[in-house]
């Protein structure tokens, strides 16, 4: 039961943080797409980027390998982690930081590709 609660909480935090980042960067991304590829296809690319950012945010924030430790059978010398208040605090913090880090990397790649595309468009 504790495993499921931890999974749901980290998933909810990762989705919330991802949505918050997308909210703050949406206008910038819209302008870049409109400038580079035009209004017709920009809407589709914008939807894809939002989906991709949610996927990156959730997969970065929710560590499956860490959650697997709760469902593995106990072996000699390796006990299951205990969900104390300190553990919850660190897990919430880790989820936020890793979600932000994953999304920052994804947005950095997007903005670098957009910058290169803008330079190519301007030189033509």
N, C-alpha and C. Protein backbone atom coordinates (compact mmCIF):
# COMPACT_ATOMS: atom_id res chain seq x y z
N UNK A 1 0.82 -1.20 0.00
CA UNK A 1 0.00 0.00 0.00
C UNK A 1 0.86 1.26 0.00
N UNK A 2 1.93 1.26 0.79
CA UNK A 2 2.82 2.42 0.82
C UNK A 2 3.46 2.65 -0.54
N UNK A 3 3.76 1.57 -1.24
CA UNK A 3 4.34 1.66 -2.57
C UNK A 3 3.42 2.41 -3.52
N UNK A 4 2.14 2.04 -3.51
CA UNK A 4 1.19 2.69 -4.40
C UNK A 4 1.01 4.17 -4.07
N UNK A 5 0.99 4.49 -2.79
CA UNK A 5 0.87 5.88 -2.37
C UNK A 5 2.08 6.69 -2.84
N UNK A 6 3.27 6.12 -2.69
CA UNK A 6 4.48 6.80 -3.14
C UNK A 6 4.45 6.99 -4.66
N UNK A 7 4.01 5.99 -5.38
CA UNK A 7 3.92 6.08 -6.84
C UNK A 7 2.94 7.18 -7.26
N UNK A 8 1.78 7.21 -6.65
CA UNK A 8 0.77 8.21 -6.99
C UNK A 8 1.25 9.62 -6.64
N UNK A 9 1.86 9.78 -5.49
CA UNK A 9 2.33 11.11 -5.06
C UNK A 9 3.43 11.62 -5.98
N UNK A 10 4.42 10.78 -6.29
CA UNK A 10 5.50 11.23 -7.17
C UNK A 10 4.99 11.49 -8.59
N UNK A 11 4.06 10.69 -9.06
CA UNK A 11 3.47 10.92 -10.37
C UNK A 11 2.70 12.24 -10.41
N UNK A 12 1.92 12.50 -9.38
CA UNK A 12 1.15 13.75 -9.32
C UNK A 12 2.08 14.96 -9.25
N UNK A 13 3.14 14.87 -8.49
CA UNK A 13 4.09 15.98 -8.39
C UNK A 13 4.77 16.21 -9.74
N UNK A 14 5.19 15.14 -10.41
CA UNK A 14 5.86 15.27 -11.70
C UNK A 14 4.92 15.87 -12.75
N UNK A 15 3.66 15.46 -12.76
CA UNK A 15 2.70 16.02 -13.71
C UNK A 15 2.44 17.49 -13.41
N UNK A 16 2.30 17.83 -12.14
CA UNK A 16 2.05 19.23 -11.76
C UNK A 16 3.23 20.12 -12.14
N UNK A 17 4.44 19.70 -11.81
CA UNK A 17 5.63 20.50 -12.13
C UNK A 17 5.79 20.62 -13.64
N UNK A 18 5.55 19.54 -14.37
CA UNK A 18 5.63 19.59 -15.83
C UNK A 18 4.62 20.57 -16.39
N UNK A 19 3.39 20.53 -15.89
CA UNK A 19 2.36 21.46 -16.34
C UNK A 19 2.72 22.91 -16.05
N UNK A 20 3.32 23.14 -14.90
CA UNK A 20 3.74 24.49 -14.53
C UNK A 20 4.83 25.01 -15.47
N UNK A 21 5.81 24.18 -15.78
CA UNK A 21 6.87 24.58 -16.70
C UNK A 21 6.30 24.85 -18.09
N UNK A 22 5.43 23.97 -18.54
CA UNK A 22 4.81 24.16 -19.86
C UNK A 22 4.01 25.45 -19.89
N UNK A 23 3.30 25.76 -18.83
CA UNK A 23 2.53 27.00 -18.76
C UNK A 23 3.44 28.21 -18.93
N UNK A 24 4.60 28.21 -18.27
CA UNK A 24 5.49 29.36 -18.33
C UNK A 24 6.22 29.49 -19.67
N UNK A 25 6.45 28.39 -20.37
CA UNK A 25 7.19 28.44 -21.63
C UNK A 25 6.29 28.41 -22.87
N UNK A 26 5.00 28.29 -22.69
CA UNK A 26 4.10 28.10 -23.83
C UNK A 26 4.13 29.26 -24.83
N UNK A 27 4.10 30.49 -24.35
CA UNK A 27 4.11 31.64 -25.26
C UNK A 27 5.40 31.72 -26.05
N UNK A 28 6.52 31.46 -25.41
CA UNK A 28 7.80 31.48 -26.12
C UNK A 28 7.85 30.42 -27.20
N UNK A 29 7.40 29.23 -26.87
CA UNK A 29 7.39 28.13 -27.84
C UNK A 29 6.44 28.45 -28.99
N UNK A 30 5.26 29.00 -28.68
CA UNK A 30 4.31 29.39 -29.73
C UNK A 30 4.94 30.38 -30.70
N UNK A 31 5.61 31.39 -30.18
CA UNK A 31 6.24 32.40 -31.04
C UNK A 31 7.32 31.80 -31.92
N UNK A 32 8.11 30.91 -31.36
CA UNK A 32 9.17 30.27 -32.13
C UNK A 32 8.58 29.44 -33.26
N UNK A 33 7.57 28.65 -32.96
CA UNK A 33 6.94 27.83 -34.00
C UNK A 33 6.29 28.69 -35.07
N UNK A 34 5.60 29.74 -34.69
CA UNK A 34 4.96 30.63 -35.67
C UNK A 34 5.99 31.27 -36.58
N UNK A 35 7.09 31.66 -36.01
CA UNK A 35 8.14 32.33 -36.79
C UNK A 35 8.83 31.37 -37.75
N UNK A 36 9.09 30.17 -37.30
CA UNK A 36 9.87 29.23 -38.10
C UNK A 36 9.06 28.44 -39.12
N UNK A 37 7.88 27.96 -38.72
CA UNK A 37 7.18 27.04 -39.61
C UNK A 37 5.78 27.49 -40.00
N UNK A 38 5.32 28.60 -39.51
CA UNK A 38 4.02 29.10 -39.91
C UNK A 38 2.89 28.57 -39.05
N UNK A 39 1.75 29.22 -39.18
CA UNK A 39 0.62 28.96 -38.30
C UNK A 39 -0.03 27.60 -38.53
N UNK A 40 -0.08 27.14 -39.77
CA UNK A 40 -0.80 25.91 -40.09
C UNK A 40 -0.24 24.70 -39.35
N UNK A 41 1.04 24.51 -39.43
CA UNK A 41 1.65 23.32 -38.84
C UNK A 41 2.16 23.58 -37.41
N UNK A 42 2.25 24.84 -37.04
CA UNK A 42 2.75 25.19 -35.71
C UNK A 42 1.88 24.61 -34.60
N UNK A 43 0.58 24.55 -34.82
CA UNK A 43 -0.33 24.03 -33.79
C UNK A 43 -0.04 22.56 -33.52
N UNK A 44 0.17 21.79 -34.58
CA UNK A 44 0.47 20.36 -34.42
C UNK A 44 1.81 20.16 -33.73
N UNK A 45 2.82 20.92 -34.12
CA UNK A 45 4.14 20.79 -33.50
C UNK A 45 4.10 21.21 -32.04
N UNK A 46 3.30 22.22 -31.75
CA UNK A 46 3.16 22.69 -30.37
C UNK A 46 2.54 21.60 -29.50
N UNK A 47 1.50 20.93 -30.01
CA UNK A 47 0.88 19.84 -29.26
C UNK A 47 1.86 18.71 -29.03
N UNK A 48 2.64 18.39 -30.06
CA UNK A 48 3.63 17.32 -29.90
C UNK A 48 4.68 17.69 -28.86
N UNK A 49 5.16 18.94 -28.89
CA UNK A 49 6.17 19.36 -27.92
C UNK A 49 5.61 19.32 -26.50
N UNK A 50 4.37 19.72 -26.32
CA UNK A 50 3.76 19.66 -24.99
C UNK A 50 3.69 18.22 -24.51
N UNK A 51 3.26 17.32 -25.39
CA UNK A 51 3.22 15.90 -25.03
C UNK A 51 4.61 15.39 -24.67
N UNK A 52 5.60 15.73 -25.50
CA UNK A 52 6.97 15.28 -25.25
C UNK A 52 7.51 15.83 -23.93
N UNK A 53 7.17 17.07 -23.61
CA UNK A 53 7.63 17.65 -22.35
C UNK A 53 6.99 16.97 -21.15
N UNK A 54 5.71 16.61 -21.26
CA UNK A 54 5.08 15.85 -20.18
C UNK A 54 5.75 14.50 -20.01
N UNK A 55 6.04 13.82 -21.12
CA UNK A 55 6.69 12.52 -21.04
C UNK A 55 8.07 12.64 -20.40
N UNK A 56 8.84 13.63 -20.82
CA UNK A 56 10.18 13.84 -20.26
C UNK A 56 10.08 14.20 -18.78
N UNK A 57 9.15 15.07 -18.43
CA UNK A 57 9.00 15.48 -17.03
C UNK A 57 8.62 14.32 -16.13
N UNK A 58 7.65 13.53 -16.54
CA UNK A 58 7.21 12.41 -15.71
C UNK A 58 8.28 11.32 -15.65
N UNK A 59 8.88 11.01 -16.78
CA UNK A 59 9.90 9.95 -16.76
C UNK A 59 11.15 10.38 -16.00
N UNK A 60 11.44 11.66 -15.96
CA UNK A 60 12.58 12.15 -15.18
C UNK A 60 12.26 12.20 -13.70
N UNK A 61 11.04 12.57 -13.35
CA UNK A 61 10.68 12.77 -11.96
C UNK A 61 10.33 11.51 -11.19
N UNK A 62 9.76 10.52 -11.87
CA UNK A 62 9.35 9.29 -11.20
C UNK A 62 10.39 8.22 -11.47
N UNK A 63 11.17 7.89 -10.47
CA UNK A 63 12.24 6.89 -10.63
C UNK A 63 11.68 5.50 -10.39
N UNK A 64 11.47 4.78 -11.47
CA UNK A 64 10.92 3.43 -11.37
C UNK A 64 11.87 2.52 -10.61
N UNK A 65 13.17 2.64 -10.85
CA UNK A 65 14.14 1.76 -10.19
C UNK A 65 14.09 1.94 -8.68
N UNK A 66 13.81 3.18 -8.24
CA UNK A 66 13.73 3.42 -6.80
C UNK A 66 12.45 2.82 -6.22
N UNK A 67 11.38 2.88 -6.97
CA UNK A 67 10.12 2.31 -6.52
C UNK A 67 10.15 0.79 -6.53
N UNK A 68 10.96 0.22 -7.41
CA UNK A 68 11.05 -1.24 -7.49
C UNK A 68 11.60 -1.85 -6.20
N UNK A 69 12.36 -1.09 -5.46
CA UNK A 69 12.91 -1.59 -4.20
C UNK A 69 11.82 -1.95 -3.20
N UNK A 70 10.63 -1.35 -3.33
CA UNK A 70 9.53 -1.61 -2.41
C UNK A 70 8.80 -2.90 -2.72
N UNK A 71 8.90 -3.38 -3.95
CA UNK A 71 8.16 -4.59 -4.31
C UNK A 71 9.06 -5.81 -4.46
N UNK A 72 10.37 -5.61 -4.39
CA UNK A 72 11.31 -6.74 -4.46
C UNK A 72 11.28 -7.51 -3.15
N UNK A 73 11.45 -8.80 -3.22
CA UNK A 73 11.52 -9.57 -1.97
C UNK A 73 12.78 -9.21 -1.18
N UNK A 74 12.64 -9.26 0.12
CA UNK A 74 13.79 -8.94 0.98
C UNK A 74 14.83 -10.05 0.86
N UNK A 75 16.07 -9.64 0.79
CA UNK A 75 17.16 -10.61 0.76
C UNK A 75 18.05 -10.36 1.96
N UNK A 76 18.96 -11.27 2.20
CA UNK A 76 19.85 -11.11 3.34
C UNK A 76 20.70 -9.86 3.18
N UNK A 77 20.72 -9.05 4.19
CA UNK A 77 21.55 -7.85 4.19
C UNK A 77 20.92 -6.66 3.49
N UNK A 78 19.82 -6.86 2.76
CA UNK A 78 19.17 -5.76 2.05
C UNK A 78 17.72 -5.69 2.51
N UNK A 79 17.41 -4.68 3.30
CA UNK A 79 16.05 -4.51 3.79
C UNK A 79 15.30 -3.51 2.91
N UNK A 80 14.00 -3.61 2.92
CA UNK A 80 13.19 -2.64 2.19
C UNK A 80 13.28 -1.29 2.88
N UNK A 81 13.25 -0.21 2.10
CA UNK A 81 13.26 1.12 2.72
C UNK A 81 11.99 1.37 3.52
N UNK A 82 12.11 2.16 4.53
CA UNK A 82 10.97 2.52 5.37
C UNK A 82 10.54 3.93 4.99
N UNK A 83 9.23 4.10 4.84
CA UNK A 83 8.71 5.41 4.43
C UNK A 83 8.51 6.32 5.63
N UNK A 84 9.58 6.94 6.07
CA UNK A 84 9.52 7.88 7.18
C UNK A 84 9.22 9.28 6.64
N UNK A 85 9.00 10.22 7.54
CA UNK A 85 8.75 11.60 7.14
C UNK A 85 9.95 12.17 6.38
N UNK A 86 11.15 11.82 6.83
CA UNK A 86 12.36 12.29 6.16
C UNK A 86 12.44 11.73 4.74
N UNK A 87 12.10 10.46 4.59
CA UNK A 87 12.12 9.84 3.27
C UNK A 87 11.13 10.53 2.34
N UNK A 88 9.92 10.80 2.83
CA UNK A 88 8.92 11.48 2.03
C UNK A 88 9.39 12.87 1.60
N UNK A 89 9.98 13.60 2.54
CA UNK A 89 10.49 14.93 2.21
C UNK A 89 11.55 14.89 1.13
N UNK A 90 12.49 13.97 1.28
CA UNK A 90 13.54 13.84 0.26
C UNK A 90 12.97 13.37 -1.07
N UNK A 91 12.01 12.49 -1.04
CA UNK A 91 11.42 11.97 -2.27
C UNK A 91 10.64 13.06 -3.02
N UNK A 92 9.91 13.88 -2.29
CA UNK A 92 9.20 15.00 -2.91
C UNK A 92 10.19 15.98 -3.52
N UNK A 93 11.22 16.32 -2.78
CA UNK A 93 12.25 17.24 -3.28
C UNK A 93 12.95 16.66 -4.50
N UNK A 94 13.32 15.38 -4.44
CA UNK A 94 14.00 14.74 -5.55
C UNK A 94 13.12 14.71 -6.79
N UNK A 95 11.83 14.45 -6.61
CA UNK A 95 10.91 14.41 -7.73
C UNK A 95 10.82 15.77 -8.41
N UNK A 96 10.71 16.83 -7.62
CA UNK A 96 10.64 18.18 -8.18
C UNK A 96 11.92 18.52 -8.94
N UNK A 97 13.06 18.29 -8.32
CA UNK A 97 14.34 18.64 -8.94
C UNK A 97 14.59 17.82 -10.20
N UNK A 98 14.33 16.53 -10.16
CA UNK A 98 14.59 15.71 -11.34
C UNK A 98 13.61 16.03 -12.47
N UNK A 99 12.37 16.37 -12.14
CA UNK A 99 11.42 16.78 -13.18
C UNK A 99 11.88 18.07 -13.83
N UNK A 100 12.28 19.04 -13.03
CA UNK A 100 12.77 20.31 -13.58
C UNK A 100 14.03 20.10 -14.41
N UNK A 101 14.93 19.23 -13.93
CA UNK A 101 16.17 18.98 -14.67
C UNK A 101 15.92 18.33 -16.02
N UNK A 102 15.04 17.35 -16.05
CA UNK A 102 14.72 16.69 -17.32
C UNK A 102 14.07 17.65 -18.31
N UNK A 103 13.16 18.46 -17.81
CA UNK A 103 12.49 19.42 -18.69
C UNK A 103 13.45 20.52 -19.15
N UNK A 104 14.37 20.92 -18.29
CA UNK A 104 15.35 21.93 -18.68
C UNK A 104 16.23 21.41 -19.81
N UNK A 105 16.64 20.14 -19.72
CA UNK A 105 17.43 19.56 -20.82
C UNK A 105 16.63 19.49 -22.11
N UNK A 106 15.37 19.08 -22.02
CA UNK A 106 14.53 18.99 -23.22
C UNK A 106 14.30 20.36 -23.84
N UNK A 107 14.02 21.35 -23.02
CA UNK A 107 13.81 22.70 -23.55
C UNK A 107 15.10 23.30 -24.10
N UNK A 108 16.23 22.99 -23.49
CA UNK A 108 17.50 23.47 -24.02
C UNK A 108 17.74 22.91 -25.41
N UNK A 109 17.49 21.64 -25.60
CA UNK A 109 17.65 21.03 -26.93
C UNK A 109 16.69 21.69 -27.92
N UNK A 110 15.45 21.89 -27.51
CA UNK A 110 14.48 22.54 -28.40
C UNK A 110 14.94 23.94 -28.80
N UNK A 111 15.37 24.75 -27.82
CA UNK A 111 15.77 26.12 -28.14
C UNK A 111 17.06 26.16 -28.96
N UNK A 112 17.97 25.22 -28.75
CA UNK A 112 19.18 25.17 -29.59
C UNK A 112 18.83 24.82 -31.03
N UNK A 113 17.97 23.85 -31.22
CA UNK A 113 17.55 23.49 -32.58
C UNK A 113 16.80 24.66 -33.22
N UNK A 114 15.95 25.33 -32.45
CA UNK A 114 15.22 26.48 -32.98
C UNK A 114 16.17 27.61 -33.35
N UNK A 115 17.20 27.82 -32.56
CA UNK A 115 18.19 28.86 -32.87
C UNK A 115 18.94 28.55 -34.15
N UNK A 116 19.33 27.30 -34.31
CA UNK A 116 20.01 26.89 -35.55
C UNK A 116 19.07 27.06 -36.74
N UNK A 117 17.81 26.67 -36.58
CA UNK A 117 16.84 26.82 -37.67
C UNK A 117 16.62 28.29 -38.00
N UNK A 118 16.58 29.15 -37.02
CA UNK A 118 16.40 30.58 -37.23
C UNK A 118 17.59 31.16 -37.99
N UNK A 119 18.78 30.75 -37.65
CA UNK A 119 19.99 31.23 -38.36
C UNK A 119 19.94 30.78 -39.82
N UNK A 120 19.55 29.53 -40.05
CA UNK A 120 19.46 29.02 -41.42
C UNK A 120 18.40 29.78 -42.21
N UNK A 121 17.26 30.05 -41.61
CA UNK A 121 16.18 30.78 -42.30
C UNK A 121 16.61 32.20 -42.62
N UNK A 122 17.32 32.84 -41.73
CA UNK A 122 17.75 34.23 -41.96
C UNK A 122 18.83 34.35 -43.01
N UNK A 123 19.67 33.35 -43.16
CA UNK A 123 20.76 33.42 -44.15
C UNK A 123 20.27 33.16 -45.56
N UNK A 124 19.08 32.62 -45.71
CA UNK A 124 18.56 32.34 -47.07
C UNK A 124 17.96 33.54 -47.70
